[in-house]
Amino acid sequence: MTNTPMTPRTRNRLTAVLALAGAGALAAILTIAPAGCASDCGRNCPIATAVIETTVNADPGILGLAWVGPACPPVEPSCRGDDNSTLCNHINVTGHAQGICDVLIKLDGREPMAVRIAFGPPSTQGCCKGYPVVGESYFIIPLSMDAGIQGADGPSDAVRILRDGGDDAPAADAGADDAADASNDAVAN
């Protein structure tokens, strides 16, 4: 093999071949690269689960728990602890539909309370799923017996005290009897 000088024609062909190979490699990468949920779009999803919990790992004395409203999950509410030293200090509420979900909570030594959580229309952002929380999504159950549930930044309009299942009963879009029954069930449990 002899060293021959590269002619302009050979140089142009080589440049064209390399450009075509580069374009093909780029097309293959874009075709094979994951998109949608396999990408990082899940990092930017709106909050779709509201949390009601204590700020420390201690049982706040939850005696009863219920929820009522069209956006509530279709299962019985549950409460979790760390499974070692606490049994119930963390409640997750993931919307099942657009609308309101009133979480009814009876704490030992305190009047029953309702936390109203609003869920918006289904997310259309990337691969995000669920019904985003509209408004507050984090609520604190204080351990102090003379304090009520509050929002992350203090007192919240989303939290109300239930008195005898009457005028303060939750879920204006649910029947009054359903709200009163749920309130009484939460207190009885």
N, C-alpha and C. Protein backbone atom coordinates (compact mmCIF):
# COMPACT_ATOMS: atom_id res chain seq x y z
N MET A 1 0.84 -1.16 0.00
CA MET A 1 0.00 0.00 0.00
C MET A 1 0.89 1.23 0.00
N THR A 2 0.60 2.12 -0.85
CA THR A 2 1.39 3.32 -0.96
C THR A 2 0.62 4.51 -0.43
N ASN A 3 1.34 5.47 0.04
CA ASN A 3 0.70 6.69 0.53
C ASN A 3 0.42 7.60 -0.66
N THR A 4 -0.81 7.81 -0.90
CA THR A 4 -1.19 8.72 -1.98
C THR A 4 -1.86 9.93 -1.37
N PRO A 5 -1.64 11.07 -1.91
CA PRO A 5 -2.26 12.27 -1.36
C PRO A 5 -3.78 12.22 -1.54
N MET A 6 -4.51 12.79 -0.58
CA MET A 6 -5.97 12.80 -0.63
C MET A 6 -6.41 13.91 -1.58
N THR A 7 -7.21 13.53 -2.52
CA THR A 7 -7.72 14.50 -3.48
C THR A 7 -8.95 15.18 -2.91
N PRO A 8 -9.31 16.31 -3.41
CA PRO A 8 -10.53 16.99 -2.92
C PRO A 8 -11.76 16.11 -3.07
N ARG A 9 -11.82 15.33 -4.13
CA ARG A 9 -12.97 14.45 -4.36
C ARG A 9 -13.04 13.38 -3.28
N THR A 10 -11.93 12.78 -2.92
CA THR A 10 -11.88 11.76 -1.88
C THR A 10 -12.24 12.37 -0.53
N ARG A 11 -11.74 13.55 -0.27
CA ARG A 11 -12.03 14.26 0.98
C ARG A 11 -13.54 14.53 1.10
N ASN A 12 -14.17 14.97 0.02
CA ASN A 12 -15.61 15.24 0.03
C ASN A 12 -16.42 13.97 0.28
N ARG A 13 -16.01 12.87 -0.34
CA ARG A 13 -16.69 11.59 -0.13
C ARG A 13 -16.55 11.14 1.32
N LEU A 14 -15.35 11.25 1.85
CA LEU A 14 -15.11 10.86 3.24
C LEU A 14 -15.95 11.72 4.19
N THR A 15 -16.02 13.00 3.95
CA THR A 15 -16.83 13.91 4.78
C THR A 15 -18.30 13.52 4.69
N ALA A 16 -18.78 13.21 3.51
CA ALA A 16 -20.19 12.83 3.33
C ALA A 16 -20.49 11.51 4.05
N VAL A 17 -19.59 10.54 3.95
CA VAL A 17 -19.79 9.25 4.61
C VAL A 17 -19.80 9.43 6.13
N LEU A 18 -18.87 10.22 6.66
CA LEU A 18 -18.83 10.45 8.11
C LEU A 18 -20.06 11.21 8.59
N ALA A 19 -20.52 12.19 7.82
CA ALA A 19 -21.72 12.94 8.18
C ALA A 19 -22.93 12.03 8.18
N LEU A 20 -23.04 11.16 7.19
CA LEU A 20 -24.15 10.22 7.11
C LEU A 20 -24.10 9.23 8.26
N ALA A 21 -22.92 8.75 8.60
CA ALA A 21 -22.77 7.81 9.72
C ALA A 21 -23.14 8.51 11.03
N GLY A 22 -22.73 9.75 11.21
CA GLY A 22 -23.08 10.51 12.42
C GLY A 22 -24.57 10.73 12.54
N ALA A 23 -25.21 11.08 11.42
CA ALA A 23 -26.66 11.28 11.43
C ALA A 23 -27.38 9.98 11.75
N GLY A 24 -26.90 8.88 11.21
CA GLY A 24 -27.50 7.57 11.50
C GLY A 24 -27.35 7.20 12.96
N ALA A 25 -26.19 7.47 13.53
CA ALA A 25 -25.96 7.17 14.95
C ALA A 25 -26.86 8.02 15.83
N LEU A 26 -27.01 9.28 15.50
CA LEU A 26 -27.89 10.17 16.26
C LEU A 26 -29.34 9.70 16.17
N ALA A 27 -29.77 9.32 14.99
CA ALA A 27 -31.14 8.82 14.81
C ALA A 27 -31.35 7.55 15.63
N ALA A 28 -30.35 6.67 15.65
CA ALA A 28 -30.47 5.43 16.43
C ALA A 28 -30.56 5.73 17.91
N ILE A 29 -29.78 6.67 18.39
CA ILE A 29 -29.82 7.04 19.81
C ILE A 29 -31.18 7.60 20.19
N LEU A 30 -31.71 8.48 19.35
CA LEU A 30 -33.02 9.07 19.64
C LEU A 30 -34.14 8.05 19.57
N THR A 31 -34.00 7.06 18.69
CA THR A 31 -35.01 6.02 18.56
C THR A 31 -34.97 5.06 19.75
N ILE A 32 -33.78 4.73 20.20
CA ILE A 32 -33.62 3.75 21.27
C ILE A 32 -33.79 4.40 22.63
N ALA A 33 -33.45 5.66 22.78
CA ALA A 33 -33.50 6.33 24.09
C ALA A 33 -34.92 6.30 24.63
N PRO A 34 -35.06 6.01 25.93
CA PRO A 34 -36.39 5.95 26.51
C PRO A 34 -37.03 7.32 26.58
N ALA A 35 -38.31 7.32 26.43
CA ALA A 35 -39.08 8.56 26.55
C ALA A 35 -40.24 8.30 27.49
N GLY A 36 -41.00 9.31 27.80
CA GLY A 36 -42.16 9.13 28.66
C GLY A 36 -41.74 8.81 30.08
N CYS A 37 -42.37 7.79 30.68
CA CYS A 37 -42.14 7.48 32.10
C CYS A 37 -40.76 6.94 32.38
N ALA A 38 -40.08 6.43 31.37
CA ALA A 38 -38.73 5.94 31.61
C ALA A 38 -37.75 7.10 31.70
N SER A 39 -38.18 8.29 31.31
CA SER A 39 -37.31 9.45 31.40
C SER A 39 -37.42 10.05 32.79
N ASP A 40 -37.02 11.28 32.95
CA ASP A 40 -37.08 11.92 34.26
C ASP A 40 -38.34 12.76 34.45
N CYS A 41 -39.38 12.54 33.62
CA CYS A 41 -40.57 13.38 33.73
C CYS A 41 -41.27 13.18 35.07
N GLY A 42 -41.08 12.06 35.72
CA GLY A 42 -41.70 11.80 37.01
C GLY A 42 -41.22 12.73 38.11
N ARG A 43 -40.10 13.38 37.91
CA ARG A 43 -39.57 14.31 38.91
C ARG A 43 -40.34 15.62 38.96
N ASN A 44 -41.08 15.92 37.92
CA ASN A 44 -41.77 17.20 37.83
C ASN A 44 -43.28 17.07 37.92
N CYS A 45 -43.78 15.94 38.37
CA CYS A 45 -45.22 15.74 38.46
C CYS A 45 -45.81 16.55 39.61
N PRO A 46 -47.05 17.03 39.43
CA PRO A 46 -47.70 17.71 40.54
C PRO A 46 -48.01 16.72 41.67
N ILE A 47 -48.13 17.21 42.87
CA ILE A 47 -48.41 16.36 44.03
C ILE A 47 -49.80 15.77 43.88
N ALA A 48 -49.91 14.44 43.96
CA ALA A 48 -51.19 13.76 43.80
C ALA A 48 -51.60 13.01 45.07
N THR A 49 -50.80 13.08 46.12
CA THR A 49 -51.12 12.43 47.39
C THR A 49 -50.95 13.44 48.51
N ALA A 50 -52.01 13.62 49.29
CA ALA A 50 -51.93 14.48 50.46
C ALA A 50 -51.47 13.63 51.64
N VAL A 51 -50.74 14.25 52.56
CA VAL A 51 -50.20 13.55 53.72
C VAL A 51 -50.68 14.26 54.99
N ILE A 52 -51.16 13.45 55.94
CA ILE A 52 -51.54 13.94 57.26
C ILE A 52 -50.72 13.11 58.24
N GLU A 53 -49.84 13.76 59.03
CA GLU A 53 -48.94 12.98 59.88
C GLU A 53 -48.41 13.81 61.04
N THR A 54 -47.79 13.10 61.97
CA THR A 54 -47.07 13.78 63.05
C THR A 54 -45.69 14.16 62.53
N THR A 55 -45.06 15.13 63.16
CA THR A 55 -43.72 15.53 62.72
C THR A 55 -42.63 14.70 63.38
N VAL A 56 -43.00 13.95 64.40
CA VAL A 56 -42.07 13.04 65.07
C VAL A 56 -42.67 11.65 65.08
N ASN A 57 -41.87 10.66 65.32
CA ASN A 57 -42.33 9.28 65.31
C ASN A 57 -43.00 8.93 66.65
N ALA A 58 -44.25 9.36 66.79
CA ALA A 58 -45.03 9.08 68.00
C ALA A 58 -46.49 8.95 67.62
N ASP A 59 -47.21 8.09 68.33
CA ASP A 59 -48.64 7.92 68.08
C ASP A 59 -49.41 9.10 68.65
N PRO A 60 -50.24 9.76 67.83
CA PRO A 60 -51.00 10.91 68.32
C PRO A 60 -52.33 10.51 68.97
N GLY A 61 -52.64 9.23 69.02
CA GLY A 61 -53.88 8.77 69.63
C GLY A 61 -55.05 8.79 68.66
N ILE A 62 -54.86 8.32 67.44
CA ILE A 62 -55.95 8.27 66.47
C ILE A 62 -56.87 7.11 66.86
N LEU A 63 -58.12 7.45 67.17
CA LEU A 63 -59.11 6.45 67.58
C LEU A 63 -60.04 6.06 66.44
N GLY A 64 -60.25 6.95 65.51
CA GLY A 64 -61.15 6.68 64.40
C GLY A 64 -60.72 7.42 63.15
N LEU A 65 -61.00 6.80 62.01
CA LEU A 65 -60.57 7.36 60.73
C LEU A 65 -61.59 6.97 59.67
N ALA A 66 -62.06 7.95 58.92
CA ALA A 66 -63.00 7.69 57.82
C ALA A 66 -62.80 8.79 56.79
N TRP A 67 -63.33 8.55 55.59
CA TRP A 67 -63.36 9.64 54.62
C TRP A 67 -64.65 9.57 53.83
N VAL A 68 -65.03 10.74 53.35
CA VAL A 68 -66.27 10.86 52.59
C VAL A 68 -66.08 11.92 51.51
N GLY A 69 -66.61 11.65 50.33
CA GLY A 69 -66.51 12.58 49.22
C GLY A 69 -66.20 11.86 47.94
N PRO A 70 -66.53 12.47 46.81
CA PRO A 70 -66.36 11.81 45.52
C PRO A 70 -64.91 11.56 45.11
N ALA A 71 -63.97 12.30 45.67
CA ALA A 71 -62.57 12.13 45.28
C ALA A 71 -61.82 11.15 46.18
N CYS A 72 -62.47 10.65 47.22
CA CYS A 72 -61.79 9.74 48.16
C CYS A 72 -61.47 8.41 47.50
N PRO A 73 -60.41 7.78 47.95
CA PRO A 73 -60.08 6.45 47.43
C PRO A 73 -61.22 5.47 47.72
N PRO A 74 -61.41 4.47 46.86
CA PRO A 74 -62.51 3.52 47.03
C PRO A 74 -62.22 2.41 48.04
N VAL A 75 -61.26 2.63 48.91
CA VAL A 75 -60.91 1.65 49.94
C VAL A 75 -61.06 2.31 51.31
N GLU A 76 -61.10 1.49 52.34
CA GLU A 76 -61.16 2.02 53.70
C GLU A 76 -59.88 2.79 54.00
N PRO A 77 -59.98 3.90 54.71
CA PRO A 77 -58.76 4.64 55.05
C PRO A 77 -57.88 3.82 55.99
N SER A 78 -56.60 4.03 55.85
CA SER A 78 -55.67 3.32 56.73
C SER A 78 -54.63 4.30 57.25
N CYS A 79 -54.00 3.90 58.32
CA CYS A 79 -53.01 4.72 58.98
C CYS A 79 -51.79 3.86 59.22
N ARG A 80 -50.62 4.43 59.04
CA ARG A 80 -49.37 3.67 59.21
C ARG A 80 -48.49 4.32 60.25
N GLY A 81 -47.67 3.51 60.84
CA GLY A 81 -46.60 3.97 61.72
C GLY A 81 -45.31 3.40 61.18
N ASP A 82 -44.33 3.27 62.04
CA ASP A 82 -43.06 2.68 61.58
C ASP A 82 -43.02 1.17 61.80
N ASP A 83 -44.13 0.60 62.29
CA ASP A 83 -44.28 -0.84 62.54
C ASP A 83 -43.42 -1.35 63.69
N ASN A 84 -42.70 -0.49 64.37
CA ASN A 84 -41.92 -0.90 65.53
C ASN A 84 -42.42 -0.20 66.78
N SER A 85 -42.27 1.10 66.82
CA SER A 85 -42.65 1.85 68.01
C SER A 85 -43.96 2.62 67.84
N THR A 86 -44.43 2.78 66.60
CA THR A 86 -45.70 3.47 66.36
C THR A 86 -46.58 2.64 65.44
N LEU A 87 -47.87 2.72 65.68
CA LEU A 87 -48.81 1.97 64.86
C LEU A 87 -49.56 2.86 63.87
N CYS A 88 -49.81 4.11 64.27
CA CYS A 88 -50.64 4.96 63.43
C CYS A 88 -50.28 6.43 63.62
N ASN A 89 -49.49 6.97 62.73
CA ASN A 89 -49.18 8.40 62.78
C ASN A 89 -49.00 9.02 61.41
N HIS A 90 -49.44 8.32 60.35
CA HIS A 90 -49.20 8.77 58.98
C HIS A 90 -50.37 8.30 58.10
N ILE A 91 -51.07 9.25 57.48
CA ILE A 91 -52.20 8.94 56.60
C ILE A 91 -51.91 9.52 55.22
N ASN A 92 -51.97 8.70 54.20
CA ASN A 92 -51.83 9.15 52.81
C ASN A 92 -53.20 9.16 52.16
N VAL A 93 -53.50 10.21 51.41
CA VAL A 93 -54.78 10.31 50.71
C VAL A 93 -54.48 10.64 49.25
N THR A 94 -54.71 9.65 48.38
CA THR A 94 -54.50 9.83 46.95
C THR A 94 -55.87 9.91 46.29
N GLY A 95 -56.11 10.99 45.57
CA GLY A 95 -57.42 11.20 44.96
C GLY A 95 -57.78 10.12 43.96
N HIS A 96 -59.06 9.74 43.98
CA HIS A 96 -59.58 8.73 43.06
C HIS A 96 -60.34 9.40 41.91
N ALA A 97 -60.66 10.67 42.09
CA ALA A 97 -61.40 11.43 41.07
C ALA A 97 -61.19 12.91 41.36
N GLN A 98 -61.65 13.73 40.47
CA GLN A 98 -61.62 15.17 40.69
C GLN A 98 -62.71 15.51 41.71
N GLY A 99 -62.38 16.39 42.65
CA GLY A 99 -63.37 16.81 43.63
C GLY A 99 -62.78 16.90 45.02
N ILE A 100 -63.64 16.67 46.01
CA ILE A 100 -63.29 16.84 47.42
C ILE A 100 -63.24 15.48 48.12
N CYS A 101 -62.30 15.36 49.05
CA CYS A 101 -62.26 14.21 49.96
C CYS A 101 -62.07 14.77 51.37
N ASP A 102 -63.04 14.52 52.23
CA ASP A 102 -62.95 14.94 53.63
C ASP A 102 -62.45 13.76 54.45
N VAL A 103 -61.32 13.95 55.10
CA VAL A 103 -60.74 12.92 55.95
C VAL A 103 -61.18 13.23 57.38
N LEU A 104 -61.94 12.31 57.97
CA LEU A 104 -62.49 12.49 59.31
C LEU A 104 -61.59 11.76 60.30
N ILE A 105 -61.12 12.48 61.29
CA ILE A 105 -60.15 11.91 62.24
C ILE A 105 -60.61 12.18 63.66
N LYS A 106 -60.66 11.12 64.46
CA LYS A 106 -60.96 11.25 65.89
C LYS A 106 -59.67 10.97 66.64
N LEU A 107 -59.21 12.00 67.38
CA LEU A 107 -58.00 11.88 68.20
C LEU A 107 -58.39 11.77 69.66
N ASP A 108 -57.68 10.95 70.40
CA ASP A 108 -57.94 10.77 71.82
C ASP A 108 -57.88 12.11 72.56
N GLY A 109 -58.94 12.43 73.30
CA GLY A 109 -58.97 13.63 74.11
C GLY A 109 -59.27 14.91 73.34
N ARG A 110 -59.60 14.81 72.06
CA ARG A 110 -59.90 16.00 71.25
C ARG A 110 -61.19 15.78 70.49
N GLU A 111 -61.79 16.87 70.07
CA GLU A 111 -63.00 16.76 69.25
C GLU A 111 -62.63 16.21 67.88
N PRO A 112 -63.57 15.49 67.24
CA PRO A 112 -63.30 14.98 65.89
C PRO A 112 -63.02 16.14 64.93
N MET A 113 -62.14 15.91 63.97
CA MET A 113 -61.78 16.93 63.00
C MET A 113 -61.93 16.38 61.59
N ALA A 114 -62.11 17.28 60.64
CA ALA A 114 -62.16 16.91 59.22
C ALA A 114 -61.11 17.73 58.49
N VAL A 115 -60.35 17.05 57.65
CA VAL A 115 -59.37 17.71 56.80
C VAL A 115 -59.91 17.60 55.37
N ARG A 116 -60.21 18.75 54.77
CA ARG A 116 -60.75 18.77 53.41
C ARG A 116 -59.60 18.88 52.42
N ILE A 117 -59.55 17.90 51.51
CA ILE A 117 -58.51 17.87 50.49
C ILE A 117 -59.21 17.94 49.13
N ALA A 118 -58.77 18.87 48.30
CA ALA A 118 -59.34 19.03 46.96
C ALA A 118 -58.39 18.47 45.92
N PHE A 119 -58.96 17.76 44.95
CA PHE A 119 -58.18 17.19 43.86
C PHE A 119 -58.67 17.77 42.54
N GLY A 120 -57.75 18.13 41.67
CA GLY A 120 -58.08 18.72 40.38
C GLY A 120 -58.27 17.68 39.31
N PRO A 121 -58.40 18.12 38.06
CA PRO A 121 -58.56 17.19 36.94
C PRO A 121 -57.30 16.34 36.75
N PRO A 122 -57.43 15.22 36.06
CA PRO A 122 -56.27 14.34 35.85
C PRO A 122 -55.10 15.10 35.24
N SER A 123 -53.92 14.74 35.69
CA SER A 123 -52.71 15.39 35.19
C SER A 123 -52.50 15.05 33.72
N THR A 124 -52.10 16.04 32.95
CA THR A 124 -51.79 15.84 31.53
C THR A 124 -50.33 16.16 31.25
N GLN A 125 -49.56 16.30 32.30
CA GLN A 125 -48.15 16.66 32.18
C GLN A 125 -47.30 15.42 31.98
N GLY A 126 -46.70 15.28 30.82
CA GLY A 126 -45.80 14.15 30.55
C GLY A 126 -46.42 12.82 30.90
N CYS A 127 -45.69 12.03 31.66
CA CYS A 127 -46.18 10.71 32.05
C CYS A 127 -46.85 10.74 33.42
N CYS A 128 -47.09 11.90 33.97
CA CYS A 128 -47.68 12.02 35.30
C CYS A 128 -49.10 11.46 35.30
N LYS A 129 -49.44 10.82 36.38
CA LYS A 129 -50.76 10.21 36.51
C LYS A 129 -51.43 10.73 37.77
N GLY A 130 -52.71 10.54 37.86
CA GLY A 130 -53.45 10.87 39.06
C GLY A 130 -54.11 12.23 39.00
N TYR A 131 -54.72 12.57 40.12
CA TYR A 131 -55.45 13.83 40.27
C TYR A 131 -54.64 14.71 41.21
N PRO A 132 -54.07 15.80 40.71
CA PRO A 132 -53.23 16.65 41.55
C PRO A 132 -54.01 17.30 42.69
N VAL A 133 -53.35 17.42 43.83
CA VAL A 133 -53.93 18.11 44.98
C VAL A 133 -54.00 19.60 44.64
N VAL A 134 -55.16 20.19 44.92
CA VAL A 134 -55.35 21.63 44.72
C VAL A 134 -55.34 22.26 46.10
N GLY A 135 -54.40 23.13 46.35
CA GLY A 135 -54.28 23.74 47.68
C GLY A 135 -53.30 22.96 48.53
N GLU A 136 -53.56 22.94 49.83
CA GLU A 136 -52.63 22.30 50.77
C GLU A 136 -52.59 20.78 50.57
N SER A 137 -51.39 20.23 50.69
CA SER A 137 -51.22 18.78 50.54
C SER A 137 -50.53 18.16 51.74
N TYR A 138 -50.12 18.97 52.71
CA TYR A 138 -49.41 18.43 53.87
C TYR A 138 -50.02 19.01 55.15
N PHE A 139 -50.43 18.12 56.05
CA PHE A 139 -51.07 18.52 57.30
C PHE A 139 -50.36 17.85 58.47
N ILE A 140 -50.30 18.56 59.58
CA ILE A 140 -49.58 18.09 60.75
C ILE A 140 -50.56 17.77 61.88
N ILE A 141 -50.38 16.60 62.48
CA ILE A 141 -51.14 16.22 63.68
C ILE A 141 -50.23 16.51 64.87
N PRO A 142 -50.52 17.58 65.63
CA PRO A 142 -49.67 17.87 66.78
C PRO A 142 -49.90 16.85 67.90
N LEU A 143 -48.88 16.62 68.68
CA LEU A 143 -49.01 15.69 69.79
C LEU A 143 -49.69 16.32 71.00
N SER A 144 -49.66 17.63 71.08
CA SER A 144 -50.29 18.34 72.20
C SER A 144 -51.79 18.08 72.20
N MET A 145 -52.32 17.70 73.37
CA MET A 145 -53.74 17.38 73.50
C MET A 145 -54.63 18.60 73.29
N ASP A 146 -54.11 19.79 73.41
CA ASP A 146 -54.94 20.98 73.25
C ASP A 146 -54.77 21.63 71.88
N ALA A 147 -54.19 20.93 70.94
CA ALA A 147 -53.98 21.48 69.60
C ALA A 147 -54.70 20.63 68.57
N GLY A 148 -55.15 21.28 67.51
CA GLY A 148 -55.81 20.58 66.43
C GLY A 148 -54.89 20.39 65.25
N ILE A 149 -55.34 19.60 64.29
CA ILE A 149 -54.58 19.38 63.07
C ILE A 149 -54.43 20.71 62.36
N GLN A 150 -53.28 20.92 61.75
CA GLN A 150 -53.02 22.19 61.08
C GLN A 150 -52.28 21.95 59.77
N GLY A 151 -52.24 22.99 58.94
CA GLY A 151 -51.48 22.93 57.70
C GLY A 151 -50.00 23.02 58.00
N ALA A 152 -49.19 22.82 57.00
CA ALA A 152 -47.74 22.87 57.17
C ALA A 152 -47.27 24.22 57.68
N ASP A 153 -48.00 25.28 57.33
CA ASP A 153 -47.61 26.64 57.74
C ASP A 153 -48.45 27.17 58.90
N GLY A 154 -49.15 26.29 59.60
CA GLY A 154 -49.97 26.74 60.73
C GLY A 154 -51.45 26.47 60.48
N PRO A 155 -52.31 27.20 61.18
CA PRO A 155 -53.76 26.97 61.05
C PRO A 155 -54.19 27.00 59.58
N SER A 156 -55.18 26.17 59.27
CA SER A 156 -55.60 26.01 57.89
C SER A 156 -57.12 26.05 57.78
N ASP A 157 -57.63 26.69 56.74
CA ASP A 157 -59.07 26.69 56.46
C ASP A 157 -59.55 25.32 56.04
N ALA A 158 -58.64 24.42 55.66
CA ALA A 158 -59.01 23.08 55.21
C ALA A 158 -59.34 22.16 56.39
N VAL A 159 -59.04 22.59 57.61
CA VAL A 159 -59.28 21.76 58.80
C VAL A 159 -60.40 22.37 59.62
N ARG A 160 -61.38 21.54 59.98
CA ARG A 160 -62.47 22.02 60.83
C ARG A 160 -62.78 21.01 61.91
N ILE A 161 -63.32 21.51 62.99
CA ILE A 161 -63.77 20.66 64.09
C ILE A 161 -65.19 20.23 63.79
N LEU A 162 -65.48 18.95 64.00
CA LEU A 162 -66.83 18.43 63.80
C LEU A 162 -67.55 18.41 65.14
N ARG A 163 -68.69 19.03 65.19
CA ARG A 163 -69.48 19.06 66.42
C ARG A 163 -70.78 18.33 66.19
N ASP A 164 -70.90 17.15 66.73
CA ASP A 164 -72.12 16.35 66.67
C ASP A 164 -72.60 16.07 65.25
N GLY A 165 -71.71 16.07 64.27
CA GLY A 165 -72.09 15.78 62.89
C GLY A 165 -73.07 16.80 62.34
N GLY A 166 -73.09 18.00 62.90
CA GLY A 166 -74.07 19.01 62.51
C GLY A 166 -73.57 19.91 61.41
N ASP A 167 -73.69 21.22 61.62
CA ASP A 167 -73.37 22.19 60.59
C ASP A 167 -71.92 22.12 60.12
N ASP A 168 -71.04 21.62 60.96
CA ASP A 168 -69.63 21.53 60.57
C ASP A 168 -69.31 20.21 59.88
N ALA A 169 -70.35 19.39 59.62
CA ALA A 169 -70.11 18.11 58.96
C ALA A 169 -69.54 18.35 57.57
N PRO A 170 -68.67 17.46 57.10
CA PRO A 170 -67.95 17.68 55.85
C PRO A 170 -68.77 17.38 54.61
N ALA A 171 -68.12 17.62 53.50
CA ALA A 171 -68.56 17.21 52.17
C ALA A 171 -69.90 17.79 51.78
N ALA A 172 -69.90 19.05 51.42
CA ALA A 172 -71.11 19.70 50.97
C ALA A 172 -71.67 19.00 49.74
N ASP A 173 -70.80 18.33 48.97
CA ASP A 173 -71.28 17.64 47.78
C ASP A 173 -71.74 16.22 48.10
N ALA A 174 -71.54 15.75 49.33
CA ALA A 174 -72.08 14.46 49.76
C ALA A 174 -73.35 14.76 50.53
N GLY A 175 -74.20 13.76 50.69
CA GLY A 175 -75.42 13.96 51.45
C GLY A 175 -75.12 14.26 52.90
N ALA A 176 -75.95 15.04 53.55
CA ALA A 176 -75.74 15.39 54.95
C ALA A 176 -75.75 14.15 55.82
N ASP A 177 -76.62 13.18 55.48
CA ASP A 177 -76.67 11.95 56.26
C ASP A 177 -75.37 11.17 56.13
N ASP A 178 -74.80 11.12 54.91
CA ASP A 178 -73.53 10.42 54.71
C ASP A 178 -72.42 11.04 55.53
N ALA A 179 -72.36 12.37 55.55
CA ALA A 179 -71.32 13.06 56.30
C ALA A 179 -71.49 12.83 57.78
N ALA A 180 -72.72 12.91 58.29
CA ALA A 180 -72.97 12.68 59.70
C ALA A 180 -72.65 11.25 60.08
N ASP A 181 -73.06 10.30 59.23
CA ASP A 181 -72.76 8.89 59.49
C ASP A 181 -71.26 8.64 59.53
N ALA A 182 -70.53 9.21 58.55
CA ALA A 182 -69.07 9.04 58.52
C ALA A 182 -68.44 9.66 59.75
N SER A 183 -68.94 10.81 60.16
CA SER A 183 -68.42 11.47 61.36
C SER A 183 -68.66 10.60 62.58
N ASN A 184 -69.85 10.06 62.71
CA ASN A 184 -70.17 9.20 63.86
C ASN A 184 -69.35 7.92 63.82
N ASP A 185 -69.14 7.36 62.59
CA ASP A 185 -68.31 6.16 62.46
C ASP A 185 -66.89 6.44 62.90
N ALA A 186 -66.35 7.59 62.51
CA ALA A 186 -64.97 7.93 62.88
C ALA A 186 -64.86 8.06 64.38
N VAL A 187 -65.87 8.61 65.02
CA VAL A 187 -65.84 8.78 66.46
C VAL A 187 -66.00 7.44 67.16
N ALA A 188 -66.85 6.56 66.60
CA ALA A 188 -67.12 5.27 67.24
C ALA A 188 -65.94 4.32 67.12
N ASN A 189 -65.16 4.45 66.05
CA ASN A 189 -64.04 3.52 65.86
C ASN A 189 -62.95 3.86 66.74
